[in-house]
PDB file of N, CA and C in Angstrom:
ATOM      1  N   MET A   1      72.497 111.936 147.656  1.00  0.00           N
ATOM      2  CA  MET A   1      71.786 112.818 148.561  1.00  0.00           C
ATOM      3  C   MET A   1      72.715 113.184 149.727  1.00  0.00           C
ATOM      4  N   THR A   2      72.741 114.446 150.086  1.00  0.00           N
ATOM      5  CA  THR A   2      73.618 114.871 151.182  1.00  0.00           C
ATOM      6  C   THR A   2      72.801 115.093 152.439  1.00  0.00           C
ATOM      7  N   GLY A   3      73.231 114.471 153.483  1.00  0.00           N
ATOM      8  CA  GLY A   3      72.578 114.629 154.769  1.00  0.00           C
ATOM      9  C   GLY A   3      73.421 115.483 155.684  1.00  0.00           C
ATOM     10  N   PRO A   4      72.904 115.742 156.879  1.00  0.00           N
ATOM     11  CA  PRO A   4      73.647 116.566 157.837  1.00  0.00           C
ATOM     12  C   PRO A   4      75.020 115.994 158.181  1.00  0.00           C
ATOM     13  N   ALA A   5      75.132 114.681 158.253  1.00  0.00           N
ATOM     14  CA  ALA A   5      76.416 114.071 158.606  1.00  0.00           C
ATOM     15  C   ALA A   5      77.448 114.323 157.511  1.00  0.00           C
ATOM     16  N   GLN A   6      77.032 114.213 156.241  1.00  0.00           N
ATOM     17  CA  GLN A   6      77.958 114.449 155.135  1.00  0.00           C
ATOM     18  C   GLN A   6      78.355 115.918 155.053  1.00  0.00           C
ATOM     19  N   THR A   7      77.419 116.815 155.283  1.00  0.00           N
ATOM     20  CA  THR A   7      77.712 118.244 155.257  1.00  0.00           C
ATOM     21  C   THR A   7      78.700 118.594 156.357  1.00  0.00           C
ATOM     22  N   GLU A   8      78.472 118.054 157.548  1.00  0.00           N
ATOM     23  CA  GLU A   8      79.373 118.314 158.675  1.00  0.00           C
ATOM     24  C   GLU A   8      80.766 117.759 158.390  1.00  0.00           C
ATOM     25  N   GLU A   9      80.818 116.600 157.757  1.00  0.00           N
ATOM     26  CA  GLU A   9      82.097 115.989 157.426  1.00  0.00           C
ATOM     27  C   GLU A   9      82.862 116.850 156.422  1.00  0.00           C
ATOM     28  N   ARG A  10      82.172 117.388 155.424  1.00  0.00           N
ATOM     29  CA  ARG A  10      82.827 118.249 154.438  1.00  0.00           C
ATOM     30  C   ARG A  10      83.319 119.543 155.075  1.00  0.00           C
ATOM     31  N   LEU A  11      82.539 120.116 155.991  1.00  0.00           N
ATOM     32  CA  LEU A  11      82.948 121.345 156.657  1.00  0.00           C
ATOM     33  C   LEU A  11      84.185 121.134 157.511  1.00  0.00           C
ATOM     34  N   SER A  12      84.307 119.969 158.096  1.00  0.00           N
ATOM     35  CA  SER A  12      85.479 119.695 158.930  1.00  0.00           C
ATOM     36  C   SER A  12      86.744 119.564 158.087  1.00  0.00           C
ATOM     37  N   GLU A  13      86.586 119.325 156.779  1.00  0.00           N
ATOM     38  CA  GLU A  13      87.733 119.201 155.891  1.00  0.00           C
ATOM     39  C   GLU A  13      88.185 120.550 155.340  1.00  0.00           C
ATOM     40  N   VAL A  14      87.371 121.583 155.479  1.00  0.00           N
ATOM     41  CA  VAL A  14      87.711 122.897 154.950  1.00  0.00           C
ATOM     42  C   VAL A  14      88.806 123.515 155.811  1.00  0.00           C
ATOM     43  N   ARG A  15      89.828 124.035 155.153  1.00  0.00           N
ATOM     44  CA  ARG A  15      90.913 124.715 155.861  1.00  0.00           C
ATOM     45  C   ARG A  15      90.716 126.208 155.677  1.00  0.00           C
ATOM     46  N   PHE A  16      90.619 126.926 156.773  1.00  0.00           N
ATOM     47  CA  PHE A  16      90.431 128.363 156.732  1.00  0.00           C
ATOM     48  C   PHE A  16      91.757 129.070 156.979  1.00  0.00           C
ATOM     49  N   LEU A  17      91.994 130.129 156.216  1.00  0.00           N
ATOM     50  CA  LEU A  17      93.213 130.917 156.332  1.00  0.00           C
ATOM     51  C   LEU A  17      92.892 132.302 156.861  1.00  0.00           C
ATOM     52  N   THR A  18      93.806 132.885 157.593  1.00  0.00           N
ATOM     53  CA  THR A  18      93.638 134.264 158.038  1.00  0.00           C
ATOM     54  C   THR A  18      93.967 135.191 156.867  1.00  0.00           C
ATOM     55  N   VAL A  19      93.605 136.455 157.009  1.00  0.00           N
ATOM     56  CA  VAL A  19      93.915 137.442 155.980  1.00  0.00           C
ATOM     57  C   VAL A  19      95.430 137.534 155.788  1.00  0.00           C
ATOM     58  N   ALA A  20      96.178 137.492 156.870  1.00  0.00           N
ATOM     59  CA  ALA A  20      97.641 137.555 156.782  1.00  0.00           C
ATOM     60  C   ALA A  20      98.198 136.347 156.023  1.00  0.00           C
ATOM     61  N   GLU A  21      97.648 135.163 156.257  1.00  0.00           N
ATOM     62  CA  GLU A  21      98.102 133.967 155.550  1.00  0.00           C
ATOM     63  C   GLU A  21      97.791 134.053 154.057  1.00  0.00           C
ATOM     64  N   VAL A  22      96.604 134.556 153.731  1.00  0.00           N
ATOM     65  CA  VAL A  22      96.230 134.724 152.321  1.00  0.00           C
ATOM     66  C   VAL A  22      97.160 135.733 151.655  1.00  0.00           C
ATOM     67  N   ALA A  23      97.426 136.840 152.334  1.00  0.00           N
ATOM     68  CA  ALA A  23      98.314 137.870 151.792  1.00  0.00           C
ATOM     69  C   ALA A  23      99.706 137.287 151.533  1.00  0.00           C
ATOM     70  N   SER A  24     100.202 136.505 152.452  1.00  0.00           N
ATOM     71  CA  SER A  24     101.512 135.889 152.296  1.00  0.00           C
ATOM     72  C   SER A  24     101.514 134.903 151.132  1.00  0.00           C
ATOM     73  N   LEU A  25     100.474 134.101 151.036  1.00  0.00           N
ATOM     74  CA  LEU A  25     100.356 133.109 149.975  1.00  0.00           C
ATOM     75  C   LEU A  25     100.298 133.767 148.597  1.00  0.00           C
ATOM     76  N   MET A  26      99.548 134.878 148.509  1.00  0.00           N
ATOM     77  CA  MET A  26      99.381 135.571 147.231  1.00  0.00           C
ATOM     78  C   MET A  26     100.474 136.613 146.983  1.00  0.00           C
ATOM     79  N   ARG A  27     101.295 136.861 147.998  1.00  0.00           N
ATOM     80  CA  ARG A  27     102.357 137.876 147.927  1.00  0.00           C
ATOM     81  C   ARG A  27     101.792 139.264 147.622  1.00  0.00           C
ATOM     82  N   VAL A  28     100.743 139.611 148.380  1.00  0.00           N
ATOM     83  CA  VAL A  28     100.137 140.943 148.316  1.00  0.00           C
ATOM     84  C   VAL A  28      99.988 141.451 149.743  1.00  0.00           C
ATOM     85  N   SER A  29      99.544 142.689 149.889  1.00  0.00           N
ATOM     86  CA  SER A  29      99.344 143.236 151.230  1.00  0.00           C
ATOM     87  C   SER A  29      98.018 142.740 151.811  1.00  0.00           C
ATOM     88  N   LYS A  30      97.894 142.863 153.127  1.00  0.00           N
ATOM     89  CA  LYS A  30      96.634 142.505 153.786  1.00  0.00           C
ATOM     90  C   LYS A  30      95.505 143.394 153.282  1.00  0.00           C
ATOM     91  N   MET A  31      95.804 144.663 153.008  1.00  0.00           N
ATOM     92  CA  MET A  31      94.785 145.584 152.508  1.00  0.00           C
ATOM     93  C   MET A  31      94.220 145.097 151.173  1.00  0.00           C
ATOM     94  N   THR A  32      95.063 144.546 150.319  1.00  0.00           N
ATOM     95  CA  THR A  32      94.591 144.004 149.043  1.00  0.00           C
ATOM     96  C   THR A  32      93.621 142.857 149.273  1.00  0.00           C
ATOM     97  N   VAL A  33      93.934 141.995 150.234  1.00  0.00           N
ATOM     98  CA  VAL A  33      93.032 140.881 150.559  1.00  0.00           C
ATOM     99  C   VAL A  33      91.704 141.423 151.074  1.00  0.00           C
ATOM    100  N   TYR A  34      91.761 142.415 151.969  1.00  0.00           N
ATOM    101  CA  TYR A  34      90.519 143.015 152.471  1.00  0.00           C
ATOM    102  C   TYR A  34      89.698 143.605 151.333  1.00  0.00           C
ATOM    103  N   ARG A  35      90.352 144.250 150.365  1.00  0.00           N
ATOM    104  CA  ARG A  35      89.632 144.808 149.211  1.00  0.00           C
ATOM    105  C   ARG A  35      88.951 143.715 148.399  1.00  0.00           C
ATOM    106  N   LEU A  36      89.646 142.604 148.196  1.00  0.00           N
ATOM    107  CA  LEU A  36      89.068 141.484 147.461  1.00  0.00           C
ATOM    108  C   LEU A  36      87.857 140.912 148.195  1.00  0.00           C
ATOM    109  N   VAL A  37      87.963 140.797 149.515  1.00  0.00           N
ATOM    110  CA  VAL A  37      86.856 140.266 150.321  1.00  0.00           C
ATOM    111  C   VAL A  37      85.667 141.224 150.274  1.00  0.00           C
ATOM    112  N   HIS A  38      85.913 142.509 150.533  1.00  0.00           N
ATOM    113  CA  HIS A  38      84.820 143.486 150.558  1.00  0.00           C
ATOM    114  C   HIS A  38      84.207 143.690 149.183  1.00  0.00           C
ATOM    115  N   GLY A  39      85.009 143.507 148.134  1.00  0.00           N
ATOM    116  CA  GLY A  39      84.509 143.659 146.768  1.00  0.00           C
ATOM    117  C   GLY A  39      83.758 142.433 146.267  1.00  0.00           C
ATOM    118  N   GLY A  40      83.778 141.349 147.046  1.00  0.00           N
ATOM    119  CA  GLY A  40      83.074 140.134 146.653  1.00  0.00           C
ATOM    120  C   GLY A  40      83.861 139.242 145.707  1.00  0.00           C
ATOM    121  N   ASP A  41      85.121 139.572 145.462  1.00  0.00           N
ATOM    122  CA  ASP A  41      85.945 138.762 144.566  1.00  0.00           C
ATOM    123  C   ASP A  41      86.517 137.531 145.253  1.00  0.00           C
ATOM    124  N   LEU A  42      86.615 137.579 146.565  1.00  0.00           N
ATOM    125  CA  LEU A  42      87.181 136.482 147.347  1.00  0.00           C
ATOM    126  C   LEU A  42      86.210 136.138 148.474  1.00  0.00           C
ATOM    127  N   THR A  43      85.787 134.891 148.509  1.00  0.00           N
ATOM    128  CA  THR A  43      84.847 134.430 149.524  1.00  0.00           C
ATOM    129  C   THR A  43      85.511 134.393 150.895  1.00  0.00           C
ATOM    130  N   ALA A  44      84.806 134.888 151.905  1.00  0.00           N
ATOM    131  CA  ALA A  44      85.332 134.861 153.266  1.00  0.00           C
ATOM    132  C   ALA A  44      84.190 134.751 154.259  1.00  0.00           C
ATOM    133  N   VAL A  45      84.520 134.289 155.440  1.00  0.00           N
ATOM    134  CA  VAL A  45      83.559 134.149 156.529  1.00  0.00           C
ATOM    135  C   VAL A  45      83.993 135.093 157.644  1.00  0.00           C
ATOM    136  N   ARG A  46      83.055 135.822 158.178  1.00  0.00           N
ATOM    137  CA  ARG A  46      83.376 136.731 159.277  1.00  0.00           C
ATOM    138  C   ARG A  46      83.325 135.955 160.592  1.00  0.00           C
ATOM    139  N   VAL A  47      84.393 136.030 161.362  1.00  0.00           N
ATOM    140  CA  VAL A  47      84.467 135.381 162.669  1.00  0.00           C
ATOM    141  C   VAL A  47      84.793 136.481 163.669  1.00  0.00           C
ATOM    142  N   GLY A  48      83.780 136.911 164.393  1.00  0.00           N
ATOM    143  CA  GLY A  48      83.975 138.040 165.303  1.00  0.00           C
ATOM    144  C   GLY A  48      84.291 139.280 164.499  1.00  0.00           C
ATOM    145  N   ARG A  49      85.442 139.873 164.757  1.00  0.00           N
ATOM    146  CA  ARG A  49      85.841 141.077 164.027  1.00  0.00           C
ATOM    147  C   ARG A  49      86.833 140.784 162.900  1.00  0.00           C
ATOM    148  N   SER A  50      87.148 139.515 162.677  1.00  0.00           N
ATOM    149  CA  SER A  50      88.114 139.173 161.640  1.00  0.00           C
ATOM    150  C   SER A  50      87.480 138.295 160.568  1.00  0.00           C
ATOM    151  N   PHE A  51      88.215 138.087 159.506  1.00  0.00           N
ATOM    152  CA  PHE A  51      87.754 137.248 158.402  1.00  0.00           C
ATOM    153  C   PHE A  51      88.592 135.991 158.329  1.00  0.00           C
ATOM    154  N   ARG A  52      87.957 134.917 157.860  1.00  0.00           N
ATOM    155  CA  ARG A  52      88.652 133.676 157.544  1.00  0.00           C
ATOM    156  C   ARG A  52      88.273 133.329 156.108  1.00  0.00           C
ATOM    157  N   VAL A  53      89.279 132.946 155.341  1.00  0.00           N
ATOM    158  CA  VAL A  53      89.075 132.651 153.923  1.00  0.00           C
ATOM    159  C   VAL A  53      89.289 131.156 153.703  1.00  0.00           C
ATOM    160  N   PRO A  54      88.289 130.479 153.120  1.00  0.00           N
ATOM    161  CA  PRO A  54      88.502 129.061 152.817  1.00  0.00           C
ATOM    162  C   PRO A  54      89.649 128.916 151.823  1.00  0.00           C
ATOM    163  N   GLU A  55      90.521 127.959 152.065  1.00  0.00           N
ATOM    164  CA  GLU A  55      91.687 127.776 151.207  1.00  0.00           C
ATOM    165  C   GLU A  55      91.281 127.555 149.752  1.00  0.00           C
ATOM    166  N   HIS A  56      90.204 126.811 149.532  1.00  0.00           N
ATOM    167  CA  HIS A  56      89.771 126.545 148.157  1.00  0.00           C
ATOM    168  C   HIS A  56      89.340 127.830 147.453  1.00  0.00           C
ATOM    169  N   ALA A  57      88.849 128.827 148.204  1.00  0.00           N
ATOM    170  CA  ALA A  57      88.449 130.098 147.605  1.00  0.00           C
ATOM    171  C   ALA A  57      89.661 130.841 147.051  1.00  0.00           C
ATOM    172  N   VAL A  58      90.787 130.745 147.734  1.00  0.00           N
ATOM    173  CA  VAL A  58      92.021 131.382 147.255  1.00  0.00           C
ATOM    174  C   VAL A  58      92.455 130.714 145.953  1.00  0.00           C
ATOM    175  N   HIS A  59      92.420 129.389 145.909  1.00  0.00           N
ATOM    176  CA  HIS A  59      92.832 128.662 144.712  1.00  0.00           C
ATOM    177  C   HIS A  59      91.899 128.971 143.542  1.00  0.00           C
ATOM    178  N   GLU A  60      90.586 129.051 143.813  1.00  0.00           N
ATOM    179  CA  GLU A  60      89.626 129.387 142.759  1.00  0.00           C
ATOM    180  C   GLU A  60      89.874 130.797 142.230  1.00  0.00           C
ATOM    181  N   TYR A  61      90.133 131.736 143.126  1.00  0.00           N
ATOM    182  CA  TYR A  61      90.394 133.108 142.713  1.00  0.00           C
ATOM    183  C   TYR A  61      91.636 133.172 141.824  1.00  0.00           C
ATOM    184  N   LEU A  62      92.697 132.501 142.243  1.00  0.00           N
ATOM    185  CA  LEU A  62      93.937 132.523 141.471  1.00  0.00           C
ATOM    186  C   LEU A  62      93.762 131.823 140.120  1.00  0.00           C
ATOM    187  N   ARG A  63      93.009 130.732 140.096  1.00  0.00           N
ATOM    188  CA  ARG A  63      92.738 130.048 138.828  1.00  0.00           C
ATOM    189  C   ARG A  63      92.004 130.984 137.872  1.00  0.00           C
ATOM    190  N   GLY A  64      91.018 131.706 138.400  1.00  0.00           N
ATOM    191  CA  GLY A  64      90.266 132.664 137.580  1.00  0.00           C
ATOM    192  C   GLY A  64      91.133 133.805 137.100  1.00  0.00           C
ATOM    193  N   ALA A  65      92.016 134.284 137.955  1.00  0.00           N
ATOM    194  CA  ALA A  65      92.901 135.390 137.589  1.00  0.00           C
ATOM    195  C   ALA A  65      93.869 134.942 136.487  1.00  0.00           C
ATOM    196  N   PHE A  66      94.368 133.716 136.575  1.00  0.00           N
ATOM    197  CA  PHE A  66      95.296 133.213 135.556  1.00  0.00           C
ATOM    198  C   PHE A  66      94.581 132.978 134.236  1.00  0.00           C
ATOM    199  N   SER A  67      93.357 132.473 134.279  1.00  0.00           N
ATOM    200  CA  SER A  67      92.648 132.182 133.035  1.00  0.00           C
ATOM    201  C   SER A  67      92.239 133.480 132.326  1.00  0.00           C
ATOM    202  N   GLN A  68      91.999 134.556 133.080  1.00  0.00           N
ATOM    203  CA  GLN A  68      91.642 135.835 132.461  1.00  0.00           C
ATOM    204  C   GLN A  68      92.848 136.504 131.838  1.00  0.00           C
ATOM    205  N   SER A  69      94.026 136.306 132.409  1.00  0.00           N
ATOM    206  CA  SER A  69      95.224 136.974 131.909  1.00  0.00           C
ATOM    207  C   SER A  69      95.845 136.219 130.730  1.00  0.00           C
ATOM    208  N   ALA A  70      95.453 134.975 130.551  1.00  0.00           N
ATOM    209  CA  ALA A  70      96.049 134.171 129.462  1.00  0.00           C
ATOM    210  C   ALA A  70      95.419 134.446 128.126  1.00  0.00           C
TER     211      ALA A  70
END
């Protein structure tokens, strides 16, 4: 059973990346990352006027992209 303390603990372990960091990691442009976010292909959280992408979401997206191309 997950309680508020466990949920808070898991959230503190999440590493969020900026759009620029994701673009650099994936070796694509920032516009490509924005397209993925707006298209719903890449999970992101809006913080003010910018987006933050959970690091695990980038890894999941890349895993899915590799499994589809294989």
